[in-house]
Amino acid sequence: MVRKSKGRHRRTREKFRKSPRDKFTVTRYLQKFEIGERVSIVIDPSSQSKPFRRFYGRIGRVIGKRGRAYIVEIKDGDAIKQVITTPEHLKRV
């Protein structure tokens, strides 16, 4: 028998699909955010390092920076979690 895949990107065919109109733009990769700014997590499928699919569409607050990536604090149910993601996956709210 074949084992079922349980990787990070399973069941994401629709969620991570880009429309043919969406183009690669450098400005998404070069955008800067201030600490305390509110952002939405919108995953860009053309990038290799992605946040976990559960956090797609969540709104959070930037609480720090780690190298080129930002630390975003979001609420997941009753828990407060920190997602480390690069700027191409973030959008200002």
PDB file of N, CA and C in Angstrom:
ATOM      1  N   MET A   1       0.836  -1.192   0.000  1.00  0.00           N
ATOM      2  CA  MET A   1       0.000   0.000   0.000  1.00  0.00           C
ATOM      3  C   MET A   1       0.881   1.257   0.000  1.00  0.00           C
ATOM      4  N   VAL A   2       0.303   2.301  -0.487  1.00  0.00           N
ATOM      5  CA  VAL A   2       0.990   3.582  -0.532  1.00  0.00           C
ATOM      6  C   VAL A   2       0.572   4.389   0.686  1.00  0.00           C
ATOM      7  N   ARG A   3       1.562   4.992   1.348  1.00  0.00           N
ATOM      8  CA  ARG A   3       1.247   5.812   2.509  1.00  0.00           C
ATOM      9  C   ARG A   3       0.741   7.177   2.088  1.00  0.00           C
ATOM     10  N   LYS A   4      -0.203   7.697   2.849  1.00  0.00           N
ATOM     11  CA  LYS A   4      -0.748   9.022   2.569  1.00  0.00           C
ATOM     12  C   LYS A   4       0.273  10.081   2.981  1.00  0.00           C
ATOM     13  N   SER A   5       0.450  11.076   2.112  1.00  0.00           N
ATOM     14  CA  SER A   5       1.388  12.150   2.395  1.00  0.00           C
ATOM     15  C   SER A   5       0.839  13.038   3.501  1.00  0.00           C
ATOM     16  N   LYS A   6       1.709  13.418   4.428  1.00  0.00           N
ATOM     17  CA  LYS A   6       1.302  14.299   5.517  1.00  0.00           C
ATOM     18  C   LYS A   6       2.244  15.482   5.615  1.00  0.00           C
ATOM     19  N   GLY A   7       2.623  16.029   4.460  1.00  0.00           N
ATOM     20  CA  GLY A   7       3.550  17.156   4.430  1.00  0.00           C
ATOM     21  C   GLY A   7       2.871  18.475   4.750  1.00  0.00           C
ATOM     22  N   ARG A   8       3.677  19.536   4.807  1.00  0.00           N
ATOM     23  CA  ARG A   8       3.166  20.872   5.156  1.00  0.00           C
ATOM     24  C   ARG A   8       2.235  21.449   4.099  1.00  0.00           C
ATOM     25  N   HIS A   9       2.374  21.022   2.839  1.00  0.00           N
ATOM     26  CA  HIS A   9       1.598  21.621   1.767  1.00  0.00           C
ATOM     27  C   HIS A   9       0.474  20.719   1.265  1.00  0.00           C
ATOM     28  N   ARG A  10       0.099  19.707   2.019  1.00  0.00           N
ATOM     29  CA  ARG A  10      -0.998  18.852   1.565  1.00  0.00           C
ATOM     30  C   ARG A  10      -2.314  19.625   1.658  1.00  0.00           C
ATOM     31  N   ARG A  11      -3.228  19.331   0.753  1.00  0.00           N
ATOM     32  CA  ARG A  11      -4.551  19.957   0.662  1.00  0.00           C
ATOM     33  C   ARG A  11      -4.470  21.473   0.477  1.00  0.00           C
ATOM     34  N   THR A  12      -3.522  21.945  -0.312  1.00  0.00           N
ATOM     35  CA  THR A  12      -3.388  23.385  -0.514  1.00  0.00           C
ATOM     36  C   THR A  12      -3.491  23.739  -1.989  1.00  0.00           C
ATOM     37  N   ARG A  13      -3.988  22.852  -2.812  1.00  0.00           N
ATOM     38  CA  ARG A  13      -4.048  23.099  -4.253  1.00  0.00           C
ATOM     39  C   ARG A  13      -4.870  24.353  -4.574  1.00  0.00           C
ATOM     40  N   GLU A  14      -6.007  24.531  -3.909  1.00  0.00           N
ATOM     41  CA  GLU A  14      -6.838  25.710  -4.167  1.00  0.00           C
ATOM     42  C   GLU A  14      -6.318  26.936  -3.410  1.00  0.00           C
ATOM     43  N   LYS A  15      -5.911  26.726  -2.176  1.00  0.00           N
ATOM     44  CA  LYS A  15      -5.521  27.838  -1.324  1.00  0.00           C
ATOM     45  C   LYS A  15      -4.268  28.544  -1.832  1.00  0.00           C
ATOM     46  N   PHE A  16      -3.302  27.801  -2.366  1.00  0.00           N
ATOM     47  CA  PHE A  16      -2.036  28.387  -2.796  1.00  0.00           C
ATOM     48  C   PHE A  16      -1.999  28.660  -4.294  1.00  0.00           C
ATOM     49  N   ARG A  17      -3.113  28.529  -5.000  1.00  0.00           N
ATOM     50  CA  ARG A  17      -3.119  28.757  -6.440  1.00  0.00           C
ATOM     51  C   ARG A  17      -3.151  30.246  -6.737  1.00  0.00           C
ATOM     52  N   LYS A  18      -2.359  30.658  -7.725  1.00  0.00           N
ATOM     53  CA  LYS A  18      -2.353  32.054  -8.170  1.00  0.00           C
ATOM     54  C   LYS A  18      -3.177  32.168  -9.431  1.00  0.00           C
ATOM     55  N   SER A  19      -3.849  33.300  -9.600  1.00  0.00           N
ATOM     56  CA  SER A  19      -4.582  33.495 -10.846  1.00  0.00           C
ATOM     57  C   SER A  19      -3.573  33.854 -11.940  1.00  0.00           C
ATOM     58  N   PRO A  20      -3.909  33.611 -13.201  1.00  0.00           N
ATOM     59  CA  PRO A  20      -2.967  33.920 -14.274  1.00  0.00           C
ATOM     60  C   PRO A  20      -2.603  35.407 -14.354  1.00  0.00           C
ATOM     61  N   ARG A  21      -3.451  36.284 -13.798  1.00  0.00           N
ATOM     62  CA  ARG A  21      -3.161  37.716 -13.827  1.00  0.00           C
ATOM     63  C   ARG A  21      -2.095  38.127 -12.836  1.00  0.00           C
ATOM     64  N   ASP A  22      -1.992  37.382 -11.745  1.00  0.00           N
ATOM     65  CA  ASP A  22      -1.014  37.752 -10.715  1.00  0.00           C
ATOM     66  C   ASP A  22       0.389  37.576 -11.255  1.00  0.00           C
ATOM     67  N   LYS A  23       1.164  38.642 -11.120  1.00  0.00           N
ATOM     68  CA  LYS A  23       2.537  38.594 -11.585  1.00  0.00           C
ATOM     69  C   LYS A  23       3.471  38.664 -10.399  1.00  0.00           C
ATOM     70  N   PHE A  24       4.683  38.284 -10.641  1.00  0.00           N
ATOM     71  CA  PHE A  24       5.740  38.434  -9.657  1.00  0.00           C
ATOM     72  C   PHE A  24       6.150  39.901  -9.633  1.00  0.00           C
ATOM     73  N   THR A  25       6.081  40.539  -8.492  1.00  0.00           N
ATOM     74  CA  THR A  25       6.529  41.924  -8.379  1.00  0.00           C
ATOM     75  C   THR A  25       7.564  42.009  -7.264  1.00  0.00           C
ATOM     76  N   VAL A  26       8.600  42.746  -7.530  1.00  0.00           N
ATOM     77  CA  VAL A  26       9.699  42.870  -6.570  1.00  0.00           C
ATOM     78  C   VAL A  26       9.269  43.690  -5.357  1.00  0.00           C
ATOM     79  N   THR A  27       8.316  44.600  -5.530  1.00  0.00           N
ATOM     80  CA  THR A  27       7.914  45.459  -4.426  1.00  0.00           C
ATOM     81  C   THR A  27       7.335  44.660  -3.255  1.00  0.00           C
ATOM     82  N   ARG A  28       6.708  43.528  -3.525  1.00  0.00           N
ATOM     83  CA  ARG A  28       6.185  42.683  -2.436  1.00  0.00           C
ATOM     84  C   ARG A  28       7.330  42.161  -1.573  1.00  0.00           C
ATOM     85  N   TYR A  29       8.461  41.836  -2.205  1.00  0.00           N
ATOM     86  CA  TYR A  29       9.608  41.299  -1.480  1.00  0.00           C
ATOM     87  C   TYR A  29      10.381  42.379  -0.724  1.00  0.00           C
ATOM     88  N   LEU A  30      10.281  43.632  -1.172  1.00  0.00           N
ATOM     89  CA  LEU A  30      11.060  44.715  -0.589  1.00  0.00           C
ATOM     90  C   LEU A  30      10.269  45.587   0.384  1.00  0.00           C
ATOM     91  N   GLN A  31       9.005  45.271   0.646  1.00  0.00           N
ATOM     92  CA  GLN A  31       8.209  46.129   1.517  1.00  0.00           C
ATOM     93  C   GLN A  31       8.694  46.046   2.964  1.00  0.00           C
ATOM     94  N   LYS A  32       8.550  47.157   3.673  1.00  0.00           N
ATOM     95  CA  LYS A  32       8.994  47.276   5.063  1.00  0.00           C
ATOM     96  C   LYS A  32       7.778  47.497   5.958  1.00  0.00           C
ATOM     97  N   PHE A  33       7.848  46.955   7.153  1.00  0.00           N
ATOM     98  CA  PHE A  33       6.778  47.119   8.132  1.00  0.00           C
ATOM     99  C   PHE A  33       7.362  47.634   9.434  1.00  0.00           C
ATOM    100  N   GLU A  34       6.593  48.455  10.119  1.00  0.00           N
ATOM    101  CA  GLU A  34       6.996  48.976  11.423  1.00  0.00           C
ATOM    102  C   GLU A  34       6.475  48.041  12.514  1.00  0.00           C
ATOM    103  N   ILE A  35       7.152  48.047  13.646  1.00  0.00           N
ATOM    104  CA  ILE A  35       6.699  47.246  14.786  1.00  0.00           C
ATOM    105  C   ILE A  35       5.403  47.862  15.309  1.00  0.00           C
ATOM    106  N   GLY A  36       4.394  47.021  15.520  1.00  0.00           N
ATOM    107  CA  GLY A  36       3.082  47.475  15.971  1.00  0.00           C
ATOM    108  C   GLY A  36       2.084  47.620  14.838  1.00  0.00           C
ATOM    109  N   GLU A  37       2.526  47.491  13.595  1.00  0.00           N
ATOM    110  CA  GLU A  37       1.629  47.639  12.448  1.00  0.00           C
ATOM    111  C   GLU A  37       0.777  46.379  12.274  1.00  0.00           C
ATOM    112  N   ARG A  38      -0.483  46.567  11.861  1.00  0.00           N
ATOM    113  CA  ARG A  38      -1.385  45.427  11.632  1.00  0.00           C
ATOM    114  C   ARG A  38      -1.226  44.920  10.214  1.00  0.00           C
ATOM    115  N   VAL A  39      -1.098  43.602  10.063  1.00  0.00           N
ATOM    116  CA  VAL A  39      -0.893  42.988   8.753  1.00  0.00           C
ATOM    117  C   VAL A  39      -1.784  41.760   8.609  1.00  0.00           C
ATOM    118  N   SER A  40      -2.029  41.396   7.363  1.00  0.00           N
ATOM    119  CA  SER A  40      -2.765  40.188   7.036  1.00  0.00           C
ATOM    120  C   SER A  40      -1.786  39.210   6.394  1.00  0.00           C
ATOM    121  N   ILE A  41      -1.907  37.931   6.701  1.00  0.00           N
ATOM    122  CA  ILE A  41      -1.027  36.918   6.119  1.00  0.00           C
ATOM    123  C   ILE A  41      -1.705  36.363   4.876  1.00  0.00           C
ATOM    124  N   VAL A  42      -1.128  36.682   3.709  1.00  0.00           N
ATOM    125  CA  VAL A  42      -1.626  36.206   2.420  1.00  0.00           C
ATOM    126  C   VAL A  42      -0.452  35.498   1.759  1.00  0.00           C
ATOM    127  N   ILE A  43      -0.488  34.183   1.710  1.00  0.00           N
ATOM    128  CA  ILE A  43       0.669  33.393   1.288  1.00  0.00           C
ATOM    129  C   ILE A  43       0.877  33.505  -0.217  1.00  0.00           C
ATOM    130  N   ASP A  44       2.130  33.805  -0.600  1.00  0.00           N
ATOM    131  CA  ASP A  44       2.534  33.877  -2.005  1.00  0.00           C
ATOM    132  C   ASP A  44       3.132  32.518  -2.383  1.00  0.00           C
ATOM    133  N   PRO A  45       2.477  31.757  -3.258  1.00  0.00           N
ATOM    134  CA  PRO A  45       2.935  30.398  -3.545  1.00  0.00           C
ATOM    135  C   PRO A  45       4.243  30.334  -4.331  1.00  0.00           C
ATOM    136  N   SER A  46       4.674  31.446  -4.949  1.00  0.00           N
ATOM    137  CA  SER A  46       5.906  31.397  -5.732  1.00  0.00           C
ATOM    138  C   SER A  46       7.145  31.439  -4.852  1.00  0.00           C
ATOM    139  N   SER A  47       6.990  31.724  -3.576  1.00  0.00           N
ATOM    140  CA  SER A  47       8.120  31.756  -2.654  1.00  0.00           C
ATOM    141  C   SER A  47       8.292  30.386  -2.007  1.00  0.00           C
ATOM    142  N   GLN A  48       9.525  30.000  -1.729  1.00  0.00           N
ATOM    143  CA  GLN A  48       9.781  28.682  -1.163  1.00  0.00           C
ATOM    144  C   GLN A  48       9.447  28.609   0.322  1.00  0.00           C
ATOM    145  N   SER A  49       9.790  29.651   1.082  1.00  0.00           N
ATOM    146  CA  SER A  49       9.533  29.613   2.523  1.00  0.00           C
ATOM    147  C   SER A  49       8.158  30.219   2.792  1.00  0.00           C
ATOM    148  N   LYS A  50       7.237  29.380   3.224  1.00  0.00           N
ATOM    149  CA  LYS A  50       5.862  29.830   3.459  1.00  0.00           C
ATOM    150  C   LYS A  50       5.493  29.595   4.922  1.00  0.00           C
ATOM    151  N   PRO A  51       4.619  30.453   5.475  1.00  0.00           N
ATOM    152  CA  PRO A  51       4.071  30.127   6.790  1.00  0.00           C
ATOM    153  C   PRO A  51       3.085  28.956   6.673  1.00  0.00           C
ATOM    154  N   PHE A  52       2.755  28.354   7.762  1.00  0.00           N
ATOM    155  CA  PHE A  52       1.863  27.195   7.746  1.00  0.00           C
ATOM    156  C   PHE A  52       0.493  27.603   7.218  1.00  0.00           C
ATOM    157  N   ARG A  53      -0.174  26.718   6.504  1.00  0.00           N
ATOM    158  CA  ARG A  53      -1.414  27.039   5.787  1.00  0.00           C
ATOM    159  C   ARG A  53      -2.562  27.438   6.713  1.00  0.00           C
ATOM    160  N   ARG A  54      -2.526  27.055   7.968  1.00  0.00           N
ATOM    161  CA  ARG A  54      -3.583  27.409   8.916  1.00  0.00           C
ATOM    162  C   ARG A  54      -3.683  28.920   9.115  1.00  0.00           C
ATOM    163  N   PHE A  55      -2.567  29.638   8.912  1.00  0.00           N
ATOM    164  CA  PHE A  55      -2.528  31.065   9.191  1.00  0.00           C
ATOM    165  C   PHE A  55      -2.880  31.911   7.978  1.00  0.00           C
ATOM    166  N   TYR A  56      -3.322  31.305   6.881  1.00  0.00           N
ATOM    167  CA  TYR A  56      -3.685  32.051   5.675  1.00  0.00           C
ATOM    168  C   TYR A  56      -4.880  32.950   5.963  1.00  0.00           C
ATOM    169  N   GLY A  57      -4.762  34.231   5.663  1.00  0.00           N
ATOM    170  CA  GLY A  57      -5.859  35.174   5.846  1.00  0.00           C
ATOM    171  C   GLY A  57      -5.999  35.738   7.244  1.00  0.00           C
ATOM    172  N   ARG A  58      -5.156  35.330   8.172  1.00  0.00           N
ATOM    173  CA  ARG A  58      -5.247  35.831   9.543  1.00  0.00           C
ATOM    174  C   ARG A  58      -4.676  37.239   9.640  1.00  0.00           C
ATOM    175  N   ILE A  59      -5.210  38.010  10.554  1.00  0.00           N
ATOM    176  CA  ILE A  59      -4.732  39.364  10.789  1.00  0.00           C
ATOM    177  C   ILE A  59      -4.000  39.380  12.123  1.00  0.00           C
ATOM    178  N   GLY A  60      -2.833  40.000  12.110  1.00  0.00           N
ATOM    179  CA  GLY A  60      -2.029  40.058  13.320  1.00  0.00           C
ATOM    180  C   GLY A  60      -1.262  41.360  13.411  1.00  0.00           C
ATOM    181  N   ARG A  61      -0.376  41.421  14.402  1.00  0.00           N
ATOM    182  CA  ARG A  61       0.413  42.618  14.653  1.00  0.00           C
ATOM    183  C   ARG A  61       1.891  42.253  14.580  1.00  0.00           C
ATOM    184  N   VAL A  62       2.681  43.087  13.894  1.00  0.00           N
ATOM    185  CA  VAL A  62       4.126  42.869  13.799  1.00  0.00           C
ATOM    186  C   VAL A  62       4.735  43.218  15.151  1.00  0.00           C
ATOM    187  N   ILE A  63       5.445  42.248  15.747  1.00  0.00           N
ATOM    188  CA  ILE A  63       6.033  42.508  17.068  1.00  0.00           C
ATOM    189  C   ILE A  63       7.553  42.516  17.033  1.00  0.00           C
ATOM    190  N   GLY A  64       8.148  42.145  15.894  1.00  0.00           N
ATOM    191  CA  GLY A  64       9.603  42.157  15.824  1.00  0.00           C
ATOM    192  C   GLY A  64      10.099  41.762  14.455  1.00  0.00           C
ATOM    193  N   LYS A  65      11.423  41.770  14.322  1.00  0.00           N
ATOM    194  CA  LYS A  65      12.051  41.417  13.062  1.00  0.00           C
ATOM    195  C   LYS A  65      13.154  40.410  13.345  1.00  0.00           C
ATOM    196  N   ARG A  66      13.295  39.438  12.466  1.00  0.00           N
ATOM    197  CA  ARG A  66      14.332  38.424  12.618  1.00  0.00           C
ATOM    198  C   ARG A  66      15.001  38.252  11.268  1.00  0.00           C
ATOM    199  N   GLY A  67      16.122  38.919  11.076  1.00  0.00           N
ATOM    200  CA  GLY A  67      16.788  38.913   9.781  1.00  0.00           C
ATOM    201  C   GLY A  67      15.941  39.667   8.782  1.00  0.00           C
ATOM    202  N   ARG A  68      15.588  39.010   7.672  1.00  0.00           N
ATOM    203  CA  ARG A  68      14.726  39.625   6.657  1.00  0.00           C
ATOM    204  C   ARG A  68      13.250  39.392   6.991  1.00  0.00           C
ATOM    205  N   ALA A  69      12.954  38.477   7.897  1.00  0.00           N
ATOM    206  CA  ALA A  69      11.585  38.086   8.218  1.00  0.00           C
ATOM    207  C   ALA A  69      11.020  38.919   9.369  1.00  0.00           C
ATOM    208  N   TYR A  70       9.701  38.863   9.483  1.00  0.00           N
ATOM    209  CA  TYR A  70       8.990  39.570  10.551  1.00  0.00           C
ATOM    210  C   TYR A  70       8.303  38.552  11.454  1.00  0.00           C
ATOM    211  N   ILE A  71       8.188  38.917  12.731  1.00  0.00           N
ATOM    212  CA  ILE A  71       7.470  38.093  13.694  1.00  0.00           C
ATOM    213  C   ILE A  71       6.090  38.713  13.861  1.00  0.00           C
ATOM    214  N   VAL A  72       5.053  37.941  13.522  1.00  0.00           N
ATOM    215  CA  VAL A  72       3.680  38.428  13.579  1.00  0.00           C
ATOM    216  C   VAL A  72       2.948  37.668  14.665  1.00  0.00           C
ATOM    217  N   GLU A  73       2.286  38.399  15.550  1.00  0.00           N
ATOM    218  CA  GLU A  73       1.526  37.785  16.639  1.00  0.00           C
ATOM    219  C   GLU A  73       0.064  37.715  16.216  1.00  0.00           C
ATOM    220  N   ILE A  74      -0.490  36.488  16.222  1.00  0.00           N
ATOM    221  CA  ILE A  74      -1.894  36.308  15.843  1.00  0.00           C
ATOM    222  C   ILE A  74      -2.611  35.541  16.941  1.00  0.00           C
ATOM    223  N   LYS A  75      -3.930  35.583  16.893  1.00  0.00           N
ATOM    224  CA  LYS A  75      -4.738  34.832  17.848  1.00  0.00           C
ATOM    225  C   LYS A  75      -5.304  33.613  17.135  1.00  0.00           C
ATOM    226  N   ASP A  76      -5.021  32.438  17.655  1.00  0.00           N
ATOM    227  CA  ASP A  76      -5.491  31.180  17.086  1.00  0.00           C
ATOM    228  C   ASP A  76      -6.371  30.505  18.138  1.00  0.00           C
ATOM    229  N   GLY A  77      -7.673  30.758  18.053  1.00  0.00           N
ATOM    230  CA  GLY A  77      -8.571  30.275  19.104  1.00  0.00           C
ATOM    231  C   GLY A  77      -8.340  31.130  20.342  1.00  0.00           C
ATOM    232  N   ASP A  78      -8.021  30.483  21.468  1.00  0.00           N
ATOM    233  CA  ASP A  78      -7.710  31.209  22.693  1.00  0.00           C
ATOM    234  C   ASP A  78      -6.223  31.475  22.831  1.00  0.00           C
ATOM    235  N   ALA A  79      -5.411  30.800  22.030  1.00  0.00           N
ATOM    236  CA  ALA A  79      -3.955  30.927  22.144  1.00  0.00           C
ATOM    237  C   ALA A  79      -3.436  32.084  21.296  1.00  0.00           C
ATOM    238  N   ILE A  80      -2.406  32.734  21.791  1.00  0.00           N
ATOM    239  CA  ILE A  80      -1.715  33.768  21.024  1.00  0.00           C
ATOM    240  C   ILE A  80      -0.445  33.129  20.495  1.00  0.00           C
ATOM    241  N   LYS A  81      -0.276  33.175  19.159  1.00  0.00           N
ATOM    242  CA  LYS A  81       0.860  32.513  18.526  1.00  0.00           C
ATOM    243  C   LYS A  81       1.706  33.515  17.766  1.00  0.00           C
ATOM    244  N   GLN A  82       2.960  33.145  17.549  1.00  0.00           N
ATOM    245  CA  GLN A  82       3.874  33.974  16.785  1.00  0.00           C
ATOM    246  C   GLN A  82       4.236  33.251  15.499  1.00  0.00           C
ATOM    247  N   VAL A  83       4.056  33.926  14.369  1.00  0.00           N
ATOM    248  CA  VAL A  83       4.367  33.372  13.058  1.00  0.00           C
ATOM    249  C   VAL A  83       5.544  34.164  12.512  1.00  0.00           C
ATOM    250  N   ILE A  84       6.607  33.471  12.116  1.00  0.00           N
ATOM    251  CA  ILE A  84       7.769  34.117  11.522  1.00  0.00           C
ATOM    252  C   ILE A  84       7.646  33.953  10.023  1.00  0.00           C
ATOM    253  N   THR A  85       7.549  35.076   9.306  1.00  0.00           N
ATOM    254  CA  THR A  85       7.334  35.014   7.861  1.00  0.00           C
ATOM    255  C   THR A  85       8.027  36.178   7.164  1.00  0.00           C
ATOM    256  N   THR A  86       8.349  35.963   5.905  1.00  0.00           N
ATOM    257  CA  THR A  86       9.014  36.977   5.098  1.00  0.00           C
ATOM    258  C   THR A  86       7.999  37.975   4.556  1.00  0.00           C
ATOM    259  N   PRO A  87       8.442  39.169   4.114  1.00  0.00           N
ATOM    260  CA  PRO A  87       7.491  40.225   3.759  1.00  0.00           C
ATOM    261  C   PRO A  87       6.607  39.954   2.552  1.00  0.00           C
ATOM    262  N   GLU A  88       6.970  39.036   1.661  1.00  0.00           N
ATOM    263  CA  GLU A  88       6.111  38.784   0.496  1.00  0.00           C
ATOM    264  C   GLU A  88       4.799  38.113   0.876  1.00  0.00           C
ATOM    265  N   HIS A  89       4.702  37.582   2.084  1.00  0.00           N
ATOM    266  CA  HIS A  89       3.476  36.937   2.554  1.00  0.00           C
ATOM    267  C   HIS A  89       2.622  37.865   3.415  1.00  0.00           C
ATOM    268  N   LEU A  90       3.026  39.121   3.562  1.00  0.00           N
ATOM    269  CA  LEU A  90       2.308  40.060   4.413  1.00  0.00           C
ATOM    270  C   LEU A  90       1.689  41.178   3.596  1.00  0.00           C
ATOM    271  N   LYS A  91       0.562  41.680   4.090  1.00  0.00           N
ATOM    272  CA  LYS A  91      -0.157  42.750   3.416  1.00  0.00           C
ATOM    273  C   LYS A  91      -0.697  43.701   4.495  1.00  0.00           C
ATOM    274  N   ARG A  92      -0.539  44.999   4.294  1.00  0.00           N
ATOM    275  CA  ARG A  92      -1.030  45.971   5.270  1.00  0.00           C
ATOM    276  C   ARG A  92      -2.558  45.936   5.357  1.00  0.00           C
ATOM    277  N   VAL A  93      -3.077  46.132   6.561  1.00  0.00           N
ATOM    278  CA  VAL A  93      -4.536  46.171   6.771  1.00  0.00           C
ATOM    279  C   VAL A  93      -4.959  47.595   7.004  1.00  0.00           C
TER     280      VAL A  93
END
